[in-house]
Amino acid sequence: MAAFGRVRGAIERVALWLALAGGAALAAIIVISSLSIAARNLPLLLGLAGLELRPIGVPGDVEIAQLGTAVAVFAFLPYCQLKRANVIVEVVTQGLCERSRAMLDLLANLLFLLIAIVLLRQLALAFFDKLVQGDQSMVLRIPEWAPFGLVLLSLGMLVAAIATTIVEDGQRIASMPPSSPGGR
């Protein structure tokens, strides 16, 4: 039990740092997009005052926003899973006993683990393909394997986070008294 607690703590710390990095990436995207929009539109506004300036933007701002957002979204998933902050439709399970809800949580996490493993495998294949092919983004020439690698890291952490919640669900179910048939 103590070993599991230490492993869970380590996974949660890494997941927290990933989430913070994802937040920093989104903040950077906001700054870059804002600067680009201002650089394109400020000359037009100044043109009303008789000044003629050429509109410019931040080169590759759309690429940065696309790649950065994908990396950020995946960076949030492991921490969200550990905090059990995923979207849950409780309307369906509202009338069930606590044990039944815990069993459904376990089943949902097992399904989520399967999906995450499939995503991890497919993304790993894409990562190695991008690495071998040397594909780059169109404007900034960013090697496409780089964001794939960052998302791979997040997906690996997501698999660890889901496995952790599965163990916790199993422990929670094992510690519950059996529920009476039809009772809460």
N, C-alpha and C. Protein backbone atom coordinates (compact mmCIF):
# COMPACT_ATOMS: atom_id res chain seq x y z
N MET A 1 0.81 -1.20 0.00
CA MET A 1 0.00 0.00 0.00
C MET A 1 0.86 1.26 0.00
N ALA A 2 1.88 1.27 0.84
CA ALA A 2 2.76 2.45 0.92
C ALA A 2 3.49 2.66 -0.40
N ALA A 3 3.90 1.56 -1.04
CA ALA A 3 4.60 1.67 -2.32
C ALA A 3 3.66 2.25 -3.37
N PHE A 4 2.41 1.81 -3.36
CA PHE A 4 1.43 2.35 -4.31
C PHE A 4 1.23 3.84 -4.07
N GLY A 5 1.18 4.25 -2.82
CA GLY A 5 1.03 5.68 -2.48
C GLY A 5 2.19 6.50 -3.01
N ARG A 6 3.41 5.97 -2.92
CA ARG A 6 4.58 6.70 -3.43
C ARG A 6 4.54 6.79 -4.97
N VAL A 7 4.16 5.69 -5.60
CA VAL A 7 4.07 5.68 -7.07
C VAL A 7 2.97 6.66 -7.51
N ARG A 8 1.83 6.62 -6.83
CA ARG A 8 0.74 7.52 -7.18
C ARG A 8 1.18 8.98 -7.00
N GLY A 9 1.89 9.25 -5.91
CA GLY A 9 2.39 10.61 -5.66
C GLY A 9 3.32 11.07 -6.77
N ALA A 10 4.20 10.19 -7.21
CA ALA A 10 5.14 10.54 -8.29
C ALA A 10 4.39 10.79 -9.59
N ILE A 11 3.41 9.93 -9.89
CA ILE A 11 2.61 10.10 -11.11
C ILE A 11 1.85 11.42 -11.05
N GLU A 12 1.30 11.73 -9.88
CA GLU A 12 0.54 12.98 -9.75
C GLU A 12 1.43 14.21 -9.89
N ARG A 13 2.65 14.14 -9.36
CA ARG A 13 3.58 15.28 -9.51
C ARG A 13 3.93 15.51 -10.97
N VAL A 14 4.25 14.44 -11.68
CA VAL A 14 4.58 14.58 -13.11
C VAL A 14 3.36 15.08 -13.88
N ALA A 15 2.18 14.54 -13.55
CA ALA A 15 0.96 14.97 -14.23
C ALA A 15 0.68 16.45 -13.96
N LEU A 16 0.94 16.90 -12.74
CA LEU A 16 0.74 18.31 -12.41
C LEU A 16 1.68 19.19 -13.23
N TRP A 17 2.96 18.79 -13.32
CA TRP A 17 3.92 19.57 -14.11
C TRP A 17 3.55 19.59 -15.59
N LEU A 18 3.04 18.46 -16.08
CA LEU A 18 2.58 18.42 -17.47
C LEU A 18 1.42 19.39 -17.67
N ALA A 19 0.47 19.39 -16.73
CA ALA A 19 -0.68 20.30 -16.83
C ALA A 19 -0.24 21.76 -16.76
N LEU A 20 0.71 22.05 -15.88
CA LEU A 20 1.23 23.42 -15.80
C LEU A 20 1.93 23.83 -17.09
N ALA A 21 2.68 22.90 -17.67
CA ALA A 21 3.34 23.18 -18.95
C ALA A 21 2.29 23.40 -20.04
N GLY A 22 1.21 22.62 -20.01
CA GLY A 22 0.12 22.82 -20.97
C GLY A 22 -0.51 24.19 -20.80
N GLY A 23 -0.69 24.62 -19.55
CA GLY A 23 -1.23 25.95 -19.30
C GLY A 23 -0.30 27.04 -19.79
N ALA A 24 1.00 26.85 -19.58
CA ALA A 24 1.99 27.83 -20.07
C ALA A 24 1.97 27.88 -21.60
N ALA A 25 1.81 26.71 -22.23
CA ALA A 25 1.74 26.67 -23.70
C ALA A 25 0.51 27.45 -24.19
N LEU A 26 -0.62 27.25 -23.52
CA LEU A 26 -1.82 27.99 -23.93
C LEU A 26 -1.65 29.49 -23.72
N ALA A 27 -1.01 29.88 -22.62
CA ALA A 27 -0.76 31.30 -22.37
C ALA A 27 0.14 31.88 -23.47
N ALA A 28 1.16 31.14 -23.86
CA ALA A 28 2.05 31.60 -24.93
C ALA A 28 1.30 31.72 -26.25
N ILE A 29 0.40 30.78 -26.52
CA ILE A 29 -0.41 30.83 -27.74
C ILE A 29 -1.27 32.08 -27.74
N ILE A 30 -1.85 32.40 -26.59
CA ILE A 30 -2.69 33.61 -26.48
C ILE A 30 -1.86 34.86 -26.77
N VAL A 31 -0.66 34.93 -26.20
CA VAL A 31 0.20 36.10 -26.42
C VAL A 31 0.59 36.21 -27.89
N ILE A 32 1.04 35.11 -28.48
CA ILE A 32 1.47 35.13 -29.88
C ILE A 32 0.30 35.48 -30.81
N SER A 33 -0.86 34.87 -30.56
CA SER A 33 -2.02 35.17 -31.41
C SER A 33 -2.45 36.61 -31.26
N SER A 34 -2.42 37.13 -30.03
CA SER A 34 -2.79 38.53 -29.81
C SER A 34 -1.83 39.48 -30.51
N LEU A 35 -0.54 39.21 -30.39
CA LEU A 35 0.45 40.04 -31.08
C LEU A 35 0.25 40.01 -32.59
N SER A 36 -0.02 38.84 -33.11
CA SER A 36 -0.20 38.69 -34.55
C SER A 36 -1.44 39.45 -35.01
N ILE A 37 -2.52 39.33 -34.26
CA ILE A 37 -3.75 40.05 -34.63
C ILE A 37 -3.52 41.55 -34.56
N ALA A 38 -2.86 42.00 -33.51
CA ALA A 38 -2.56 43.44 -33.37
C ALA A 38 -1.66 43.92 -34.50
N ALA A 39 -0.66 43.13 -34.85
CA ALA A 39 0.28 43.54 -35.90
C ALA A 39 -0.40 43.61 -37.26
N ARG A 40 -1.43 42.79 -37.46
CA ARG A 40 -2.16 42.83 -38.73
C ARG A 40 -3.17 43.97 -38.77
N ASN A 41 -3.74 44.32 -37.62
CA ASN A 41 -4.84 45.29 -37.62
C ASN A 41 -4.46 46.70 -37.19
N LEU A 42 -3.42 46.85 -36.41
CA LEU A 42 -3.01 48.19 -35.98
C LEU A 42 -2.67 49.11 -37.16
N PRO A 43 -1.94 48.63 -38.16
CA PRO A 43 -1.67 49.51 -39.31
C PRO A 43 -2.95 49.98 -40.01
N LEU A 44 -3.98 49.14 -40.02
CA LEU A 44 -5.24 49.54 -40.64
C LEU A 44 -5.89 50.67 -39.83
N LEU A 45 -5.83 50.55 -38.50
CA LEU A 45 -6.39 51.60 -37.64
C LEU A 45 -5.59 52.90 -37.77
N LEU A 46 -4.27 52.76 -37.85
CA LEU A 46 -3.44 53.95 -38.00
C LEU A 46 -3.63 54.59 -39.37
N GLY A 47 -4.06 53.81 -40.34
CA GLY A 47 -4.35 54.32 -41.67
C GLY A 47 -5.49 55.33 -41.65
N LEU A 48 -6.41 55.16 -40.69
CA LEU A 48 -7.50 56.13 -40.55
C LEU A 48 -6.97 57.49 -40.14
N ALA A 49 -5.82 57.51 -39.47
CA ALA A 49 -5.20 58.77 -39.04
C ALA A 49 -4.25 59.31 -40.11
N GLY A 50 -4.21 58.68 -41.25
CA GLY A 50 -3.37 59.18 -42.33
C GLY A 50 -2.00 58.52 -42.40
N LEU A 51 -1.68 57.64 -41.46
CA LEU A 51 -0.40 56.94 -41.51
C LEU A 51 -0.55 55.69 -42.36
N GLU A 52 0.41 55.47 -43.22
CA GLU A 52 0.33 54.27 -44.05
C GLU A 52 1.42 53.29 -43.63
N LEU A 53 0.97 52.21 -43.02
CA LEU A 53 1.86 51.13 -42.60
C LEU A 53 1.36 49.83 -43.22
N ARG A 54 2.28 48.95 -43.45
CA ARG A 54 1.94 47.66 -44.04
C ARG A 54 1.55 46.67 -42.93
N PRO A 55 0.38 46.03 -43.06
CA PRO A 55 0.01 45.03 -42.05
C PRO A 55 0.97 43.84 -42.10
N ILE A 56 1.40 43.42 -40.94
CA ILE A 56 2.24 42.22 -40.83
C ILE A 56 1.67 41.36 -39.71
N GLY A 57 2.04 40.15 -39.67
CA GLY A 57 1.62 39.26 -38.60
C GLY A 57 2.80 38.44 -38.14
N VAL A 58 2.59 37.67 -37.12
CA VAL A 58 3.64 36.77 -36.64
C VAL A 58 3.67 35.57 -37.59
N PRO A 59 4.80 35.33 -38.25
CA PRO A 59 4.86 34.19 -39.18
C PRO A 59 4.61 32.87 -38.43
N GLY A 60 3.73 32.07 -38.99
CA GLY A 60 3.47 30.75 -38.41
C GLY A 60 2.57 30.78 -37.19
N ASP A 61 1.86 31.89 -36.96
CA ASP A 61 1.02 31.97 -35.77
C ASP A 61 -0.06 30.89 -35.75
N VAL A 62 -0.60 30.57 -36.90
CA VAL A 62 -1.63 29.52 -36.95
C VAL A 62 -1.02 28.16 -36.66
N GLU A 63 0.17 27.90 -37.20
CA GLU A 63 0.87 26.64 -36.89
C GLU A 63 1.14 26.51 -35.40
N ILE A 64 1.62 27.59 -34.81
CA ILE A 64 1.92 27.59 -33.37
C ILE A 64 0.65 27.30 -32.59
N ALA A 65 -0.45 27.94 -32.97
CA ALA A 65 -1.71 27.73 -32.26
C ALA A 65 -2.19 26.29 -32.41
N GLN A 66 -2.11 25.74 -33.61
CA GLN A 66 -2.57 24.37 -33.84
C GLN A 66 -1.74 23.34 -33.08
N LEU A 67 -0.43 23.41 -33.26
CA LEU A 67 0.45 22.43 -32.62
C LEU A 67 0.45 22.60 -31.10
N GLY A 68 0.51 23.85 -30.65
CA GLY A 68 0.54 24.11 -29.22
C GLY A 68 -0.73 23.70 -28.51
N THR A 69 -1.86 23.92 -29.14
CA THR A 69 -3.13 23.52 -28.53
C THR A 69 -3.24 22.01 -28.42
N ALA A 70 -2.83 21.31 -29.45
CA ALA A 70 -2.88 19.84 -29.39
C ALA A 70 -1.99 19.33 -28.26
N VAL A 71 -0.80 19.86 -28.15
CA VAL A 71 0.12 19.44 -27.09
C VAL A 71 -0.47 19.78 -25.72
N ALA A 72 -1.04 20.98 -25.58
CA ALA A 72 -1.59 21.43 -24.29
C ALA A 72 -2.77 20.56 -23.86
N VAL A 73 -3.67 20.27 -24.78
CA VAL A 73 -4.86 19.48 -24.43
C VAL A 73 -4.45 18.11 -23.90
N PHE A 74 -3.53 17.47 -24.57
CA PHE A 74 -3.08 16.16 -24.10
C PHE A 74 -2.31 16.27 -22.78
N ALA A 75 -1.67 17.40 -22.54
CA ALA A 75 -0.92 17.59 -21.29
C ALA A 75 -1.85 17.67 -20.09
N PHE A 76 -3.09 18.11 -20.30
CA PHE A 76 -4.03 18.23 -19.19
C PHE A 76 -4.66 16.89 -18.79
N LEU A 77 -4.74 15.95 -19.70
CA LEU A 77 -5.50 14.72 -19.47
C LEU A 77 -5.04 13.88 -18.27
N PRO A 78 -3.74 13.64 -18.07
CA PRO A 78 -3.36 12.80 -16.92
C PRO A 78 -3.77 13.39 -15.57
N TYR A 79 -3.56 14.68 -15.39
CA TYR A 79 -3.92 15.31 -14.12
C TYR A 79 -5.44 15.30 -13.93
N CYS A 80 -6.14 15.56 -15.00
CA CYS A 80 -7.61 15.54 -14.96
C CYS A 80 -8.09 14.14 -14.55
N GLN A 81 -7.48 13.10 -15.08
CA GLN A 81 -7.86 11.74 -14.73
C GLN A 81 -7.59 11.45 -13.26
N LEU A 82 -6.43 11.84 -12.77
CA LEU A 82 -6.10 11.59 -11.36
C LEU A 82 -7.03 12.34 -10.41
N LYS A 83 -7.47 13.51 -10.81
CA LYS A 83 -8.38 14.30 -9.98
C LYS A 83 -9.84 13.92 -10.21
N ARG A 84 -10.05 12.97 -11.11
CA ARG A 84 -11.38 12.49 -11.47
C ARG A 84 -12.28 13.65 -11.87
N ALA A 85 -11.70 14.49 -12.71
CA ALA A 85 -12.40 15.68 -13.16
C ALA A 85 -12.94 15.53 -14.58
N ASN A 86 -13.09 14.29 -15.03
CA ASN A 86 -13.64 14.05 -16.35
C ASN A 86 -15.15 14.24 -16.32
N VAL A 87 -15.72 14.41 -17.48
CA VAL A 87 -17.17 14.58 -17.58
C VAL A 87 -17.84 13.26 -17.24
N ILE A 88 -18.76 13.33 -16.31
CA ILE A 88 -19.50 12.14 -15.88
C ILE A 88 -20.98 12.46 -15.96
N VAL A 89 -21.74 11.56 -16.56
CA VAL A 89 -23.18 11.74 -16.65
C VAL A 89 -23.81 10.98 -15.50
N GLU A 90 -24.11 11.71 -14.43
CA GLU A 90 -24.64 11.07 -13.23
C GLU A 90 -26.14 10.85 -13.27
N VAL A 91 -26.81 11.39 -14.25
CA VAL A 91 -28.26 11.21 -14.34
C VAL A 91 -28.59 9.73 -14.44
N VAL A 92 -27.78 9.00 -15.18
CA VAL A 92 -28.01 7.57 -15.38
C VAL A 92 -27.73 6.78 -14.11
N THR A 93 -26.71 7.16 -13.36
CA THR A 93 -26.28 6.37 -12.19
C THR A 93 -26.82 6.90 -10.87
N GLN A 94 -27.61 7.95 -10.91
CA GLN A 94 -28.09 8.61 -9.70
C GLN A 94 -28.80 7.66 -8.74
N GLY A 95 -29.62 6.77 -9.25
CA GLY A 95 -30.40 5.88 -8.39
C GLY A 95 -29.66 4.62 -7.97
N LEU A 96 -28.44 4.44 -8.39
CA LEU A 96 -27.69 3.23 -8.06
C LEU A 96 -27.03 3.34 -6.69
N CYS A 97 -26.75 2.19 -6.09
CA CYS A 97 -26.02 2.20 -4.82
C CYS A 97 -24.56 2.58 -5.08
N GLU A 98 -23.86 2.92 -4.01
CA GLU A 98 -22.48 3.37 -4.14
C GLU A 98 -21.60 2.30 -4.76
N ARG A 99 -21.81 1.07 -4.40
CA ARG A 99 -21.01 -0.03 -4.94
C ARG A 99 -21.21 -0.17 -6.46
N SER A 100 -22.46 -0.05 -6.90
CA SER A 100 -22.75 -0.15 -8.33
C SER A 100 -22.09 1.00 -9.09
N ARG A 101 -22.15 2.20 -8.51
CA ARG A 101 -21.50 3.35 -9.16
C ARG A 101 -19.99 3.14 -9.22
N ALA A 102 -19.42 2.60 -8.15
CA ALA A 102 -17.98 2.32 -8.13
C ALA A 102 -17.61 1.28 -9.18
N MET A 103 -18.47 0.29 -9.35
CA MET A 103 -18.21 -0.75 -10.37
C MET A 103 -18.28 -0.14 -11.78
N LEU A 104 -19.25 0.76 -11.99
CA LEU A 104 -19.35 1.43 -13.29
C LEU A 104 -18.14 2.32 -13.53
N ASP A 105 -17.66 3.00 -12.48
CA ASP A 105 -16.44 3.81 -12.61
C ASP A 105 -15.26 2.94 -13.03
N LEU A 106 -15.15 1.78 -12.39
CA LEU A 106 -14.07 0.85 -12.73
C LEU A 106 -14.19 0.40 -14.18
N LEU A 107 -15.40 0.04 -14.59
CA LEU A 107 -15.62 -0.40 -15.97
C LEU A 107 -15.28 0.72 -16.96
N ALA A 108 -15.71 1.93 -16.66
CA ALA A 108 -15.42 3.08 -17.53
C ALA A 108 -13.92 3.32 -17.62
N ASN A 109 -13.23 3.21 -16.49
CA ASN A 109 -11.78 3.42 -16.50
C ASN A 109 -11.06 2.32 -17.27
N LEU A 110 -11.56 1.09 -17.18
CA LEU A 110 -10.96 0.00 -17.97
C LEU A 110 -11.13 0.27 -19.47
N LEU A 111 -12.31 0.74 -19.85
CA LEU A 111 -12.54 1.09 -21.25
C LEU A 111 -11.66 2.26 -21.67
N PHE A 112 -11.56 3.27 -20.81
CA PHE A 112 -10.70 4.43 -21.10
C PHE A 112 -9.24 4.00 -21.24
N LEU A 113 -8.80 3.05 -20.41
CA LEU A 113 -7.43 2.54 -20.50
C LEU A 113 -7.21 1.88 -21.85
N LEU A 114 -8.16 1.09 -22.29
CA LEU A 114 -8.04 0.43 -23.59
C LEU A 114 -7.93 1.46 -24.71
N ILE A 115 -8.77 2.49 -24.66
CA ILE A 115 -8.74 3.54 -25.67
C ILE A 115 -7.40 4.28 -25.63
N ALA A 116 -6.93 4.60 -24.43
CA ALA A 116 -5.66 5.32 -24.29
C ALA A 116 -4.49 4.49 -24.81
N ILE A 117 -4.52 3.19 -24.58
CA ILE A 117 -3.44 2.32 -25.08
C ILE A 117 -3.46 2.27 -26.60
N VAL A 118 -4.65 2.18 -27.19
CA VAL A 118 -4.75 2.18 -28.66
C VAL A 118 -4.24 3.51 -29.21
N LEU A 119 -4.65 4.63 -28.60
CA LEU A 119 -4.16 5.94 -29.03
C LEU A 119 -2.64 6.04 -28.90
N LEU A 120 -2.11 5.54 -27.79
CA LEU A 120 -0.67 5.57 -27.56
C LEU A 120 0.07 4.78 -28.64
N ARG A 121 -0.44 3.61 -28.96
CA ARG A 121 0.19 2.78 -29.99
C ARG A 121 0.16 3.48 -31.35
N GLN A 122 -1.01 3.99 -31.72
CA GLN A 122 -1.14 4.63 -33.02
C GLN A 122 -0.29 5.89 -33.12
N LEU A 123 -0.25 6.65 -32.03
CA LEU A 123 0.55 7.87 -32.04
C LEU A 123 2.04 7.54 -32.07
N ALA A 124 2.43 6.45 -31.41
CA ALA A 124 3.83 6.03 -31.45
C ALA A 124 4.22 5.66 -32.89
N LEU A 125 3.33 4.97 -33.59
CA LEU A 125 3.60 4.63 -34.98
C LEU A 125 3.73 5.90 -35.84
N ALA A 126 2.84 6.86 -35.62
CA ALA A 126 2.90 8.12 -36.36
C ALA A 126 4.17 8.89 -36.01
N PHE A 127 4.56 8.88 -34.74
CA PHE A 127 5.77 9.56 -34.29
C PHE A 127 6.99 9.02 -35.04
N PHE A 128 7.13 7.70 -35.06
CA PHE A 128 8.29 7.10 -35.73
C PHE A 128 8.24 7.33 -37.24
N ASP A 129 7.05 7.33 -37.82
CA ASP A 129 6.91 7.63 -39.24
C ASP A 129 7.37 9.06 -39.53
N LYS A 130 6.93 10.02 -38.70
CA LYS A 130 7.33 11.43 -38.88
C LYS A 130 8.84 11.59 -38.68
N LEU A 131 9.39 10.85 -37.74
CA LEU A 131 10.82 10.92 -37.47
C LEU A 131 11.62 10.42 -38.66
N VAL A 132 11.21 9.28 -39.20
CA VAL A 132 11.92 8.69 -40.34
C VAL A 132 11.74 9.54 -41.60
N GLN A 133 10.53 10.01 -41.84
CA GLN A 133 10.26 10.79 -43.06
C GLN A 133 10.83 12.20 -43.00
N GLY A 134 11.05 12.72 -41.80
CA GLY A 134 11.57 14.08 -41.68
C GLY A 134 10.57 15.16 -42.03
N ASP A 135 9.27 14.86 -41.86
CA ASP A 135 8.24 15.85 -42.18
C ASP A 135 8.38 17.09 -41.31
N GLN A 136 8.07 18.24 -41.92
CA GLN A 136 8.14 19.52 -41.21
C GLN A 136 6.87 20.31 -41.46
N SER A 137 6.56 21.23 -40.53
CA SER A 137 5.41 22.11 -40.74
C SER A 137 5.72 23.04 -41.91
N MET A 138 4.67 23.60 -42.50
CA MET A 138 4.85 24.35 -43.75
C MET A 138 5.55 25.69 -43.58
N VAL A 139 5.19 26.46 -42.56
CA VAL A 139 5.73 27.82 -42.45
C VAL A 139 7.01 27.85 -41.62
N LEU A 140 6.94 27.34 -40.40
CA LEU A 140 8.08 27.44 -39.49
C LEU A 140 9.07 26.28 -39.62
N ARG A 141 8.71 25.28 -40.40
CA ARG A 141 9.58 24.12 -40.62
C ARG A 141 9.89 23.39 -39.32
N ILE A 142 8.91 23.34 -38.43
CA ILE A 142 9.06 22.60 -37.17
C ILE A 142 9.00 21.12 -37.51
N PRO A 143 9.97 20.33 -37.04
CA PRO A 143 9.89 18.88 -37.29
C PRO A 143 8.61 18.34 -36.66
N GLU A 144 7.79 17.66 -37.47
CA GLU A 144 6.49 17.21 -36.99
C GLU A 144 6.58 16.14 -35.91
N TRP A 145 7.72 15.48 -35.80
CA TRP A 145 7.86 14.48 -34.76
C TRP A 145 7.91 15.12 -33.37
N ALA A 146 8.32 16.38 -33.28
CA ALA A 146 8.47 17.03 -31.97
C ALA A 146 7.14 17.14 -31.21
N PRO A 147 6.08 17.73 -31.81
CA PRO A 147 4.82 17.76 -31.07
C PRO A 147 4.24 16.36 -30.85
N PHE A 148 4.46 15.46 -31.81
CA PHE A 148 4.01 14.08 -31.62
C PHE A 148 4.69 13.47 -30.39
N GLY A 149 5.97 13.75 -30.23
CA GLY A 149 6.70 13.22 -29.07
C GLY A 149 6.16 13.77 -27.76
N LEU A 150 5.83 15.06 -27.74
CA LEU A 150 5.26 15.66 -26.52
C LEU A 150 3.89 15.07 -26.19
N VAL A 151 3.09 14.85 -27.22
CA VAL A 151 1.78 14.22 -27.00
C VAL A 151 1.95 12.77 -26.55
N LEU A 152 2.95 12.09 -27.11
CA LEU A 152 3.24 10.71 -26.69
C LEU A 152 3.57 10.65 -25.20
N LEU A 153 4.37 11.59 -24.73
CA LEU A 153 4.71 11.67 -23.31
C LEU A 153 3.44 11.82 -22.48
N SER A 154 2.56 12.72 -22.90
CA SER A 154 1.31 12.93 -22.17
C SER A 154 0.43 11.69 -22.20
N LEU A 155 0.37 11.02 -23.35
CA LEU A 155 -0.45 9.80 -23.43
C LEU A 155 0.13 8.68 -22.55
N GLY A 156 1.44 8.58 -22.50
CA GLY A 156 2.06 7.61 -21.59
C GLY A 156 1.70 7.89 -20.15
N MET A 157 1.72 9.17 -19.79
CA MET A 157 1.31 9.56 -18.43
C MET A 157 -0.17 9.30 -18.22
N LEU A 158 -0.99 9.50 -19.26
CA LEU A 158 -2.42 9.22 -19.13
C LEU A 158 -2.66 7.75 -18.85
N VAL A 159 -1.94 6.87 -19.55
CA VAL A 159 -2.06 5.43 -19.30
C VAL A 159 -1.71 5.12 -17.85
N ALA A 160 -0.62 5.72 -17.34
CA ALA A 160 -0.23 5.51 -15.94
C ALA A 160 -1.30 6.06 -14.99
N ALA A 161 -1.87 7.21 -15.32
CA ALA A 161 -2.90 7.82 -14.47
C ALA A 161 -4.16 6.96 -14.45
N ILE A 162 -4.56 6.45 -15.60
CA ILE A 162 -5.75 5.60 -15.66
C ILE A 162 -5.50 4.31 -14.88
N ALA A 163 -4.33 3.71 -15.06
CA ALA A 163 -4.00 2.49 -14.31
C ALA A 163 -4.06 2.75 -12.81
N THR A 164 -3.60 3.92 -12.39
CA THR A 164 -3.65 4.30 -10.98
C THR A 164 -5.08 4.39 -10.49
N THR A 165 -5.95 5.02 -11.27
CA THR A 165 -7.35 5.15 -10.84
C THR A 165 -8.06 3.80 -10.86
N ILE A 166 -7.64 2.90 -11.73
CA ILE A 166 -8.22 1.56 -11.74
C ILE A 166 -7.87 0.83 -10.45
N VAL A 167 -6.61 0.93 -10.03
CA VAL A 167 -6.20 0.31 -8.76
C VAL A 167 -6.99 0.92 -7.62
N GLU A 168 -7.14 2.25 -7.63
CA GLU A 168 -7.91 2.91 -6.56
C GLU A 168 -9.37 2.47 -6.57
N ASP A 169 -9.94 2.33 -7.77
CA ASP A 169 -11.33 1.85 -7.86
C ASP A 169 -11.46 0.44 -7.29
N GLY A 170 -10.50 -0.40 -7.64
CA GLY A 170 -10.52 -1.77 -7.11
C GLY A 170 -10.40 -1.79 -5.60
N GLN A 171 -9.53 -0.97 -5.05
CA GLN A 171 -9.38 -0.88 -3.60
C GLN A 171 -10.66 -0.37 -2.95
N ARG A 172 -11.27 0.62 -3.58
CA ARG A 172 -12.51 1.19 -3.04
C ARG A 172 -13.62 0.15 -3.03
N ILE A 173 -13.75 -0.60 -4.11
CA ILE A 173 -14.79 -1.64 -4.20
C ILE A 173 -14.53 -2.73 -3.17
N ALA A 174 -13.26 -3.14 -3.04
CA ALA A 174 -12.92 -4.20 -2.09
C ALA A 174 -13.20 -3.79 -0.65
N SER A 175 -13.11 -2.50 -0.35
CA SER A 175 -13.33 -2.05 1.03
C SER A 175 -14.80 -1.81 1.36
N MET A 176 -15.67 -1.86 0.34
CA MET A 176 -17.10 -1.63 0.57
C MET A 176 -17.79 -2.91 1.02
N PRO A 177 -18.75 -2.74 1.93
CA PRO A 177 -19.54 -3.93 2.28
C PRO A 177 -20.44 -4.29 1.11
N PRO A 178 -20.71 -5.57 0.93
CA PRO A 178 -21.61 -5.96 -0.18
C PRO A 178 -22.95 -5.26 0.00
N SER A 179 -23.52 -4.79 -1.09
CA SER A 179 -24.82 -4.10 -0.99
C SER A 179 -25.93 -5.12 -1.07
N SER A 180 -27.02 -4.79 -0.42
CA SER A 180 -28.15 -5.69 -0.44
C SER A 180 -28.85 -5.58 -1.79
N PRO A 181 -29.49 -6.64 -2.26
CA PRO A 181 -30.14 -6.60 -3.58
C PRO A 181 -31.20 -5.49 -3.60
N GLY A 182 -31.09 -4.62 -4.56
CA GLY A 182 -32.06 -3.54 -4.74
C GLY A 182 -31.93 -2.41 -3.73
N GLY A 183 -30.99 -2.53 -2.80
CA GLY A 183 -30.84 -1.48 -1.78
C GLY A 183 -29.78 -0.49 -2.14
N ARG A 184 -29.75 0.60 -1.42
CA ARG A 184 -28.74 1.63 -1.65
C ARG A 184 -27.73 1.49 -0.60
